[in-house]
Amino acid sequence: MKTSTKTWIAGVTAVVVLGAGGIYYMNQQQSAQVTLQETKQISKMSNTEKAVALLKSFETGDTGIAKQVLKKDYIQHNQTVATGLDGFLQIMEGAKNGGSAATVDIKRQFEDGNTVVLHSVYNFGGQEMVGFDVFKFDDAGMITEHWDNLSPVRDANYSGHTQFDGAATIDTSVNGEETKKLVSTYIDDIIYGQHPEKLDSYFDGDHYIQHNADMVDTVSGFKASLQQMAQMGINMDYKTTHQVLAQGDFALVISEGNLAGKETAFYDLYRVENGKIAEHWDVLADVIADSEAANTNGKF
């Protein structure tokens, strides 16, 4: 696929087009044809490809993609961004004027029906963040709603895992509905505490790969971490789960609750293996008070 950006040659605005054959310089009339071609290309993209292209547009500053895949009145749940297309264009402009190039490194991607999940590492102005983006599409392939959760990148945990490394390829031979059912039941039984005695039944022995920066691998390590939190008086209380999204062996759980007395958004990504939970990533972030939010749509 060709991509383009503006440059100046001898005082004439031109468009640099990057294609398989190299770099080409075009005038404005020619670039209009390129834009039309890109529109046709985008119309052929899958929803996941569109979501990826939208996030990657932060690197180029190209607002054309946003204008083609976002509905003008799309619902924004990032509490620091105004709702709608105009709000998204404002943050793109802010990122472009931040003084250093933005990068978006997408680690994982999957879709559940008309909803796409991306797990990425962002660098805006030198600040590294890890996060999840969730995009809901309509039947015409336009984004109608967006949720996300971001937190600063931290050092690897004591088991040597970062918040974003590990298995990345979705095993589509695994039934996503079965993955969703397993993870949903685990959340009810263990995270909500309905049947804590069943914890061991969700894992293959002591095997459990943990990417939370404050925890370690193994089921026994998970238990020890929870006990340590309790001893320190740190309460982690999940109140409501809003979405469980799955494809193949991956499932993302979006919940709200409290952590250490603060209203918190919990995004938990699980990978299953042979019918057991094998790996876990998460992003936890404070929920902004409605009175301080940039929109009225709520975090969830």
Protein backbone atom coordinates (compact mmCIF):
# COMPACT_ATOMS: atom_id res chain seq x y z
CA MET A 1 0.00 0.00 0.00
CA LYS A 2 1.21 3.51 -0.74
CA THR A 3 1.48 6.12 1.95
CA SER A 4 1.99 9.84 1.48
CA THR A 5 3.20 12.94 3.27
CA LYS A 6 3.73 16.58 2.27
CA THR A 7 7.10 18.21 1.65
CA TRP A 8 8.37 21.39 -0.02
CA ILE A 9 10.55 21.38 -3.15
CA ALA A 10 11.69 24.72 -4.54
CA GLY A 11 8.71 26.41 -2.90
CA VAL A 12 6.18 24.03 -4.46
CA THR A 13 4.01 21.83 -2.28
CA ALA A 14 4.52 18.22 -3.27
CA VAL A 15 3.47 14.87 -1.95
CA VAL A 16 5.97 12.15 -1.16
CA VAL A 17 4.44 8.79 -2.00
CA LEU A 18 6.09 5.69 -0.60
CA GLY A 19 5.39 2.70 -2.78
CA ALA A 20 6.86 -0.69 -3.53
CA GLY A 21 8.93 0.82 -6.31
CA GLY A 22 10.49 3.58 -4.22
CA ILE A 23 9.79 7.24 -3.42
CA TYR A 24 7.83 9.42 -5.81
CA TYR A 25 7.13 13.18 -5.78
CA MET A 26 3.74 14.33 -7.02
CA ASN A 27 2.02 17.67 -7.44
CA GLN A 28 -1.34 18.49 -5.84
CA GLN A 29 -3.42 17.25 -8.78
CA GLN A 30 -1.58 13.95 -8.80
CA SER A 31 -1.87 13.67 -5.02
CA ALA A 32 -5.65 13.97 -5.29
CA GLN A 33 -5.57 10.81 -7.37
CA VAL A 34 -3.44 9.15 -4.67
CA THR A 35 -5.99 10.18 -2.02
CA LEU A 36 -8.77 8.61 -4.08
CA GLN A 37 -6.69 5.45 -4.43
CA GLU A 38 -6.08 5.36 -0.67
CA THR A 39 -9.83 5.74 -0.06
CA LYS A 40 -10.45 2.69 -2.22
CA GLN A 41 -7.70 0.80 -0.40
CA ILE A 42 -9.22 1.62 3.01
CA SER A 43 -12.64 0.46 1.86
CA LYS A 44 -11.12 -2.97 1.22
CA MET A 45 -9.48 -3.20 4.65
CA SER A 46 -10.77 -5.42 7.43
CA ASN A 47 -11.92 -3.71 10.62
CA THR A 48 -8.69 -4.75 12.34
CA GLU A 49 -6.59 -3.29 9.53
CA LYS A 50 -8.52 -0.02 9.79
CA ALA A 51 -7.97 0.17 13.56
CA VAL A 52 -4.26 -0.50 13.11
CA ALA A 53 -4.00 2.13 10.37
CA LEU A 54 -5.77 4.66 12.59
CA LEU A 55 -3.33 4.21 15.48
CA LYS A 56 -0.31 4.17 13.16
CA SER A 57 -1.47 7.49 11.70
CA PHE A 58 -0.16 9.12 14.89
CA GLU A 59 3.31 8.40 13.52
CA THR A 60 2.69 10.22 10.24
CA GLY A 61 0.23 12.88 11.36
CA ASP A 62 -2.01 11.90 8.43
CA THR A 63 -5.56 12.89 9.41
CA GLY A 64 -7.02 11.42 6.23
CA ILE A 65 -7.34 7.95 7.73
CA ALA A 66 -9.28 9.24 10.75
CA LYS A 67 -11.65 11.13 8.48
CA GLN A 68 -12.34 7.96 6.50
CA VAL A 69 -12.80 5.44 9.32
CA LEU A 70 -14.28 7.47 12.21
CA LYS A 71 -17.93 8.51 12.19
CA LYS A 72 -18.22 12.22 12.82
CA ASP A 73 -20.26 11.62 15.98
CA TYR A 74 -18.40 8.53 17.20
CA ILE A 75 -18.51 8.00 20.97
CA GLN A 76 -15.23 8.57 22.79
CA HIS A 77 -14.70 6.97 26.22
CA ASN A 78 -11.14 8.23 26.77
CA GLN A 79 -11.95 10.77 29.46
CA THR A 80 -9.21 13.19 28.41
CA VAL A 81 -10.42 13.52 24.80
CA ALA A 82 -13.48 15.32 23.45
CA THR A 83 -16.02 13.03 21.83
CA GLY A 84 -16.46 12.77 18.06
CA LEU A 85 -14.14 13.05 15.09
CA ASP A 86 -13.13 16.62 15.94
CA GLY A 87 -11.88 15.49 19.35
CA PHE A 88 -9.69 12.83 17.76
CA LEU A 89 -8.26 15.31 15.27
CA GLN A 90 -7.39 17.62 18.17
CA ILE A 91 -5.28 14.98 19.91
CA MET A 92 -3.58 14.15 16.61
CA GLU A 93 -2.68 17.81 16.24
CA GLY A 94 -1.40 17.86 19.82
CA ALA A 95 0.75 14.79 19.23
CA LYS A 96 2.13 16.30 16.01
CA ASN A 97 3.10 19.49 17.85
CA GLY A 98 4.59 17.66 20.81
CA GLY A 99 8.15 18.29 19.72
CA SER A 100 9.18 14.68 19.01
CA ALA A 101 7.95 11.90 16.76
CA ALA A 102 5.16 9.69 18.06
CA THR A 103 5.50 5.92 17.77
CA VAL A 104 2.87 3.21 18.12
CA ASP A 105 4.08 -0.39 18.42
CA ILE A 106 1.11 -2.73 18.19
CA LYS A 107 1.85 -5.99 20.00
CA ARG A 108 -1.45 -7.87 19.70
CA GLN A 109 -4.63 -7.53 17.69
CA PHE A 110 -7.84 -9.48 17.49
CA GLU A 111 -11.52 -8.98 16.80
CA ASP A 112 -14.75 -10.22 18.32
CA GLY A 113 -17.65 -9.66 15.95
CA ASN A 114 -17.69 -5.96 15.07
CA THR A 115 -15.24 -5.02 17.85
CA VAL A 116 -11.44 -4.81 17.49
CA VAL A 117 -8.91 -5.03 20.33
CA LEU A 118 -5.36 -3.67 20.04
CA HIS A 119 -2.61 -4.02 22.69
CA SER A 120 0.13 -1.46 22.05
CA VAL A 121 3.10 0.50 23.34
CA TYR A 122 2.97 4.23 22.64
CA ASN A 123 5.64 6.89 22.82
CA PHE A 124 4.34 10.45 22.76
CA GLY A 125 6.93 13.13 23.41
CA GLY A 126 9.31 10.68 25.07
CA GLN A 127 6.72 9.21 27.47
CA GLU A 128 6.20 5.48 26.99
CA MET A 129 2.73 4.13 27.71
CA VAL A 130 1.23 0.66 27.38
CA GLY A 131 -2.43 0.34 26.64
CA PHE A 132 -5.45 -1.33 25.14
CA ASP A 133 -7.68 0.24 22.49
CA VAL A 134 -11.13 -1.15 21.76
CA PHE A 135 -12.94 -0.01 18.61
CA LYS A 136 -16.56 -0.79 17.79
CA PHE A 137 -17.52 -0.75 14.09
CA ASP A 138 -20.89 -0.49 12.38
CA ASP A 139 -21.97 -2.68 9.48
CA ALA A 140 -20.52 -0.16 7.02
CA GLY A 141 -17.05 -0.54 8.52
CA MET A 142 -17.00 2.82 10.32
CA ILE A 143 -15.82 3.24 13.91
CA THR A 144 -18.72 4.26 16.13
CA GLU A 145 -17.21 3.92 19.61
CA HIS A 146 -13.81 3.75 21.32
CA TRP A 147 -12.59 2.69 24.75
CA ASP A 148 -9.02 2.58 26.02
CA ASN A 149 -6.87 2.19 29.11
CA LEU A 150 -3.28 3.44 29.42
CA SER A 151 -0.53 3.32 32.02
CA PRO A 152 3.20 4.16 32.06
CA VAL A 153 5.65 1.48 30.93
CA ARG A 154 7.58 0.08 33.88
CA ASP A 155 10.61 -2.17 34.31
CA ALA A 156 10.24 -5.91 33.87
CA ASN A 157 8.81 -7.81 36.84
CA TYR A 158 10.82 -10.22 38.99
CA SER A 159 10.10 -13.03 36.53
CA GLY A 160 11.67 -10.98 33.74
CA HIS A 161 8.46 -10.21 31.85
CA THR A 162 7.43 -6.77 30.64
CA GLN A 163 3.89 -5.45 30.45
CA PHE A 164 3.74 -6.28 26.75
CA ASP A 165 6.13 -9.11 25.77
CA GLY A 166 5.11 -12.77 25.48
CA ALA A 167 2.88 -14.69 23.10
CA ALA A 168 1.51 -12.43 20.38
CA THR A 169 -0.04 -14.60 17.67
CA ILE A 170 -3.71 -15.44 18.02
CA ASP A 171 -4.40 -19.17 17.69
CA THR A 172 -7.60 -19.05 15.66
CA SER A 173 -7.94 -22.85 15.84
CA VAL A 174 -9.11 -22.33 19.43
CA ASN A 175 -12.83 -21.61 19.81
CA GLY A 176 -13.16 -17.99 20.91
CA GLU A 177 -16.55 -18.56 22.55
CA GLU A 178 -15.06 -21.31 24.72
CA THR A 179 -12.20 -18.98 25.65
CA LYS A 180 -14.71 -16.27 26.56
CA LYS A 181 -16.73 -18.71 28.68
CA LEU A 182 -13.65 -19.99 30.54
CA VAL A 183 -12.32 -16.52 31.30
CA SER A 184 -15.75 -15.17 32.27
CA THR A 185 -16.26 -18.03 34.71
CA TYR A 186 -12.76 -17.49 36.12
CA ILE A 187 -13.56 -13.81 36.71
CA ASP A 188 -16.77 -14.73 38.54
CA ASP A 189 -15.27 -17.53 40.61
CA ILE A 190 -11.88 -16.05 41.46
CA ILE A 191 -11.77 -12.30 40.87
CA TYR A 192 -15.28 -11.71 42.26
CA GLY A 193 -14.68 -14.37 44.90
CA GLN A 194 -17.78 -16.49 44.25
CA HIS A 195 -15.78 -19.74 44.41
CA PRO A 196 -12.16 -19.00 45.43
CA GLU A 197 -11.61 -22.68 46.21
CA LYS A 198 -11.70 -23.38 42.44
CA LEU A 199 -8.61 -21.28 41.67
CA ASP A 200 -6.28 -24.23 41.00
CA SER A 201 -8.77 -25.78 38.57
CA TYR A 202 -8.27 -22.91 36.12
CA PHE A 203 -4.54 -23.57 35.69
CA ASP A 204 -2.28 -26.36 34.48
CA GLY A 205 -0.52 -27.13 37.74
CA ASP A 206 1.61 -24.17 38.81
CA HIS A 207 2.08 -22.86 35.26
CA TYR A 208 1.10 -19.20 34.85
CA ILE A 209 2.99 -16.47 32.96
CA GLN A 210 2.44 -13.10 34.58
CA HIS A 211 3.10 -9.70 32.96
CA ASN A 212 1.81 -7.49 35.77
CA ALA A 213 4.82 -5.41 36.84
CA ASP A 214 4.15 -6.09 40.54
CA MET A 215 3.61 -9.85 40.33
CA VAL A 216 5.58 -12.97 39.41
CA ASP A 217 5.04 -16.14 37.43
CA THR A 218 3.31 -19.30 38.71
CA VAL A 219 -0.01 -19.83 40.42
CA SER A 220 1.75 -20.03 43.79
CA GLY A 221 3.36 -16.68 43.01
CA PHE A 222 -0.05 -15.22 42.18
CA LYS A 223 -1.44 -16.44 45.50
CA ALA A 224 1.55 -15.02 47.37
CA SER A 225 1.12 -11.63 45.65
CA LEU A 226 -2.53 -11.46 46.67
CA GLN A 227 -1.67 -12.39 50.25
CA GLN A 228 1.04 -9.73 50.35
CA MET A 229 -1.39 -7.09 49.08
CA ALA A 230 -3.87 -8.06 51.79
CA GLN A 231 -1.17 -7.85 54.47
CA MET A 232 -0.25 -4.37 53.24
CA GLY A 233 -3.87 -3.29 53.38
CA ILE A 234 -4.13 -2.88 49.60
CA ASN A 235 -7.63 -3.86 48.53
CA MET A 236 -8.38 -4.79 44.92
CA ASP A 237 -12.14 -4.82 44.47
CA TYR A 238 -13.74 -5.54 41.10
CA LYS A 239 -17.32 -4.24 41.02
CA THR A 240 -18.65 -4.59 37.47
CA THR A 241 -17.40 -6.28 34.31
CA HIS A 242 -18.59 -4.38 31.24
CA GLN A 243 -17.14 -6.36 28.33
CA VAL A 244 -15.49 -9.70 27.64
CA LEU A 245 -14.05 -9.84 24.11
CA ALA A 246 -12.39 -12.92 22.67
CA GLN A 247 -10.93 -14.45 19.55
CA GLY A 248 -9.11 -17.76 19.47
CA ASP A 249 -7.05 -18.24 22.63
CA PHE A 250 -7.14 -14.58 23.78
CA ALA A 251 -9.80 -12.78 25.84
CA LEU A 252 -9.89 -9.19 27.12
CA VAL A 253 -11.96 -8.41 30.23
CA ILE A 254 -12.95 -4.77 30.88
CA SER A 255 -14.03 -4.06 34.45
CA GLU A 256 -14.39 -1.24 36.93
CA GLY A 257 -13.73 -1.26 40.64
CA ASN A 258 -11.40 0.06 43.31
CA LEU A 259 -7.70 -0.37 43.93
CA ALA A 260 -6.27 0.97 47.18
CA GLY A 261 -9.34 3.16 47.59
CA LYS A 262 -9.22 4.70 44.11
CA GLU A 263 -11.83 4.16 41.42
CA THR A 264 -10.02 2.08 38.83
CA ALA A 265 -10.47 0.70 35.32
CA PHE A 266 -9.15 -2.86 35.00
CA TYR A 267 -8.27 -4.21 31.56
CA ASP A 268 -7.16 -7.87 31.85
CA LEU A 269 -5.95 -9.86 28.86
CA TYR A 270 -5.78 -13.64 29.21
CA ARG A 271 -4.34 -16.33 26.95
CA VAL A 272 -5.62 -19.86 27.35
CA GLU A 273 -3.85 -23.08 26.48
CA ASN A 274 -5.44 -26.53 26.44
CA GLY A 275 -8.48 -25.23 28.26
CA LYS A 276 -6.51 -23.56 31.06
CA ILE A 277 -5.40 -19.99 31.73
CA ALA A 278 -1.73 -19.72 30.76
CA GLU A 279 -0.77 -16.04 30.52
CA HIS A 280 -1.97 -12.66 31.76
CA TRP A 281 -1.39 -9.01 30.87
CA ASP A 282 -3.16 -6.03 32.38
CA VAL A 283 -3.46 -2.26 32.36
CA LEU A 284 -4.87 -0.49 35.40
CA ALA A 285 -5.74 3.21 35.37
CA ASP A 286 -7.54 5.67 37.63
CA VAL A 287 -11.02 6.74 36.55
CA ILE A 288 -11.40 10.52 36.21
CA ALA A 289 -14.32 12.16 37.99
CA ASP A 290 -17.14 13.06 35.59
CA SER A 291 -16.78 16.72 36.51
CA GLU A 292 -13.17 16.69 35.25
CA ALA A 293 -13.68 14.62 32.09
CA ALA A 294 -13.45 16.04 28.57
CA ASN A 295 -16.65 14.24 27.56
CA THR A 296 -19.83 12.96 29.22
CA ASN A 297 -19.72 9.40 27.86
CA GLY A 298 -18.16 7.76 30.90
CA LYS A 299 -15.07 5.53 31.03
CA PHE A 300 -17.01 2.34 30.32
